[in-house]
Amino acid sequence: MRQYQRQAIASSSPAQLVLKLYDLGVHCCRQDDRVKLRRVLAELVGSLNLEEGGEIAERLYDLYDYCISESITGDLDLVQSILGDLRDVWKQGVLARQAA
């Protein structure tokens, strides 16, 4: 199973990896796994290019930072909703453009 996961990650584009992180973040919220959720959010923050990403990257950073704060003692349903919405927008916007 781990070998399959490694192969899936190795063959994924950066945009697909972000989608997988969103999926994992939603899953962590459902499982109430706050530690793993914070790791996922840290990876999402690390994937941002604040120099070239402009306002969008800044707003994503603010959302991720808020989600990290909420993941400590806050409402994971809210974090799940935010990550789910971001996932849907990412899939429709970024991945759809790459497929075209």
Protein backbone atom coordinates (compact mmCIF):
# COMPACT_ATOMS: atom_id res chain seq x y z
CA MET A 1 0.00 0.00 0.00
CA ARG A 2 2.76 2.47 0.89
CA GLN A 3 4.57 1.71 -2.36
CA TYR A 4 1.37 2.50 -4.29
CA GLN A 5 1.05 5.77 -2.38
CA ARG A 6 4.66 6.69 -3.11
CA GLN A 7 4.18 5.95 -6.83
CA ALA A 8 0.98 8.01 -6.92
CA ILE A 9 2.79 10.95 -5.34
CA ALA A 10 5.87 10.62 -7.54
CA SER A 11 3.77 10.62 -10.71
CA SER A 12 1.60 13.58 -9.67
CA SER A 13 2.05 17.14 -10.89
CA PRO A 14 2.45 19.91 -8.31
CA ALA A 15 -1.18 20.93 -8.94
CA GLN A 16 -2.36 17.35 -8.34
CA LEU A 17 -0.31 17.21 -5.13
CA VAL A 18 -2.11 20.31 -3.83
CA LEU A 19 -5.42 18.60 -4.59
CA LYS A 20 -4.26 15.54 -2.66
CA LEU A 21 -3.31 17.77 0.27
CA TYR A 22 -6.79 19.30 0.27
CA ASP A 23 -8.31 15.80 0.21
CA LEU A 24 -6.08 14.70 3.09
CA GLY A 25 -6.92 17.84 5.06
CA VAL A 26 -10.65 17.18 4.70
CA HIS A 27 -10.09 13.57 5.75
CA CYS A 28 -8.11 14.69 8.83
CA CYS A 29 -10.98 16.96 9.85
CA ARG A 30 -13.45 14.09 9.56
CA GLN A 31 -11.14 11.87 11.63
CA ASP A 32 -10.50 14.61 14.20
CA ASP A 33 -6.75 14.21 13.60
CA ARG A 34 -5.58 17.68 14.52
CA VAL A 35 -1.86 16.85 14.49
CA LYS A 36 -1.91 15.45 10.97
CA LEU A 37 -4.17 18.30 9.86
CA ARG A 38 -1.60 20.85 11.00
CA ARG A 39 1.09 18.99 9.02
CA VAL A 40 -1.11 19.14 5.91
CA LEU A 41 -1.75 22.85 6.44
CA ALA A 42 1.98 23.45 6.92
CA GLU A 43 2.61 21.73 3.56
CA LEU A 44 -0.03 23.92 1.92
CA VAL A 45 1.62 27.04 3.39
CA GLY A 46 4.98 25.78 2.15
CA SER A 47 3.61 25.33 -1.35
CA LEU A 48 2.77 29.03 -1.66
CA ASN A 49 4.99 31.36 -3.64
CA LEU A 50 4.26 34.65 -1.89
CA GLU A 51 6.64 36.60 -4.14
CA GLU A 52 5.04 35.59 -7.43
CA GLY A 53 1.58 34.60 -6.22
CA GLY A 54 0.47 38.11 -5.39
CA GLU A 55 -2.84 38.72 -3.68
CA ILE A 56 -4.13 35.19 -4.23
CA ALA A 57 -1.15 33.67 -2.44
CA GLU A 58 -1.53 36.17 0.39
CA ARG A 59 -5.21 35.35 0.82
CA LEU A 60 -4.50 31.62 0.75
CA TYR A 61 -1.82 32.15 3.38
CA ASP A 62 -4.35 33.97 5.58
CA LEU A 63 -6.88 31.14 5.14
CA TYR A 64 -4.31 28.46 5.91
CA ASP A 65 -3.12 30.41 8.95
CA TYR A 66 -6.70 30.71 10.19
CA CYS A 67 -7.22 26.97 9.66
CA ILE A 68 -4.04 26.22 11.62
CA SER A 69 -5.35 28.32 14.50
CA GLU A 70 -8.73 26.57 14.37
CA SER A 71 -7.05 23.16 14.20
CA ILE A 72 -5.58 23.67 17.66
CA THR A 73 -8.80 23.98 19.65
CA GLY A 74 -11.38 25.31 17.21
CA ASP A 75 -14.11 24.05 14.96
CA LEU A 76 -12.90 21.34 12.57
CA ASP A 77 -16.22 21.43 10.71
CA LEU A 78 -15.38 24.98 9.67
CA VAL A 79 -11.86 23.97 8.64
CA GLN A 80 -13.30 21.04 6.67
CA SER A 81 -15.68 23.39 4.91
CA ILE A 82 -12.91 25.85 4.01
CA LEU A 83 -10.59 23.12 2.71
CA GLY A 84 -13.44 21.44 0.83
CA ASP A 85 -14.35 24.71 -0.89
CA LEU A 86 -10.71 25.42 -1.74
CA ARG A 87 -10.38 21.88 -3.10
CA ASP A 88 -13.39 22.33 -5.37
CA VAL A 89 -12.16 25.67 -6.69
CA TRP A 90 -8.66 24.26 -7.21
CA LYS A 91 -10.01 21.26 -9.09
CA GLN A 92 -12.30 23.34 -11.29
CA GLY A 93 -9.85 26.16 -11.92
CA VAL A 94 -6.31 24.87 -11.94
CA LEU A 95 -6.65 21.21 -12.85
CA ALA A 96 -9.32 21.81 -15.47
CA ARG A 97 -7.08 24.35 -17.21
CA GLN A 98 -4.16 21.92 -17.19
CA ALA A 99 -6.28 19.19 -18.77
CA ALA A 100 -7.44 21.48 -21.60
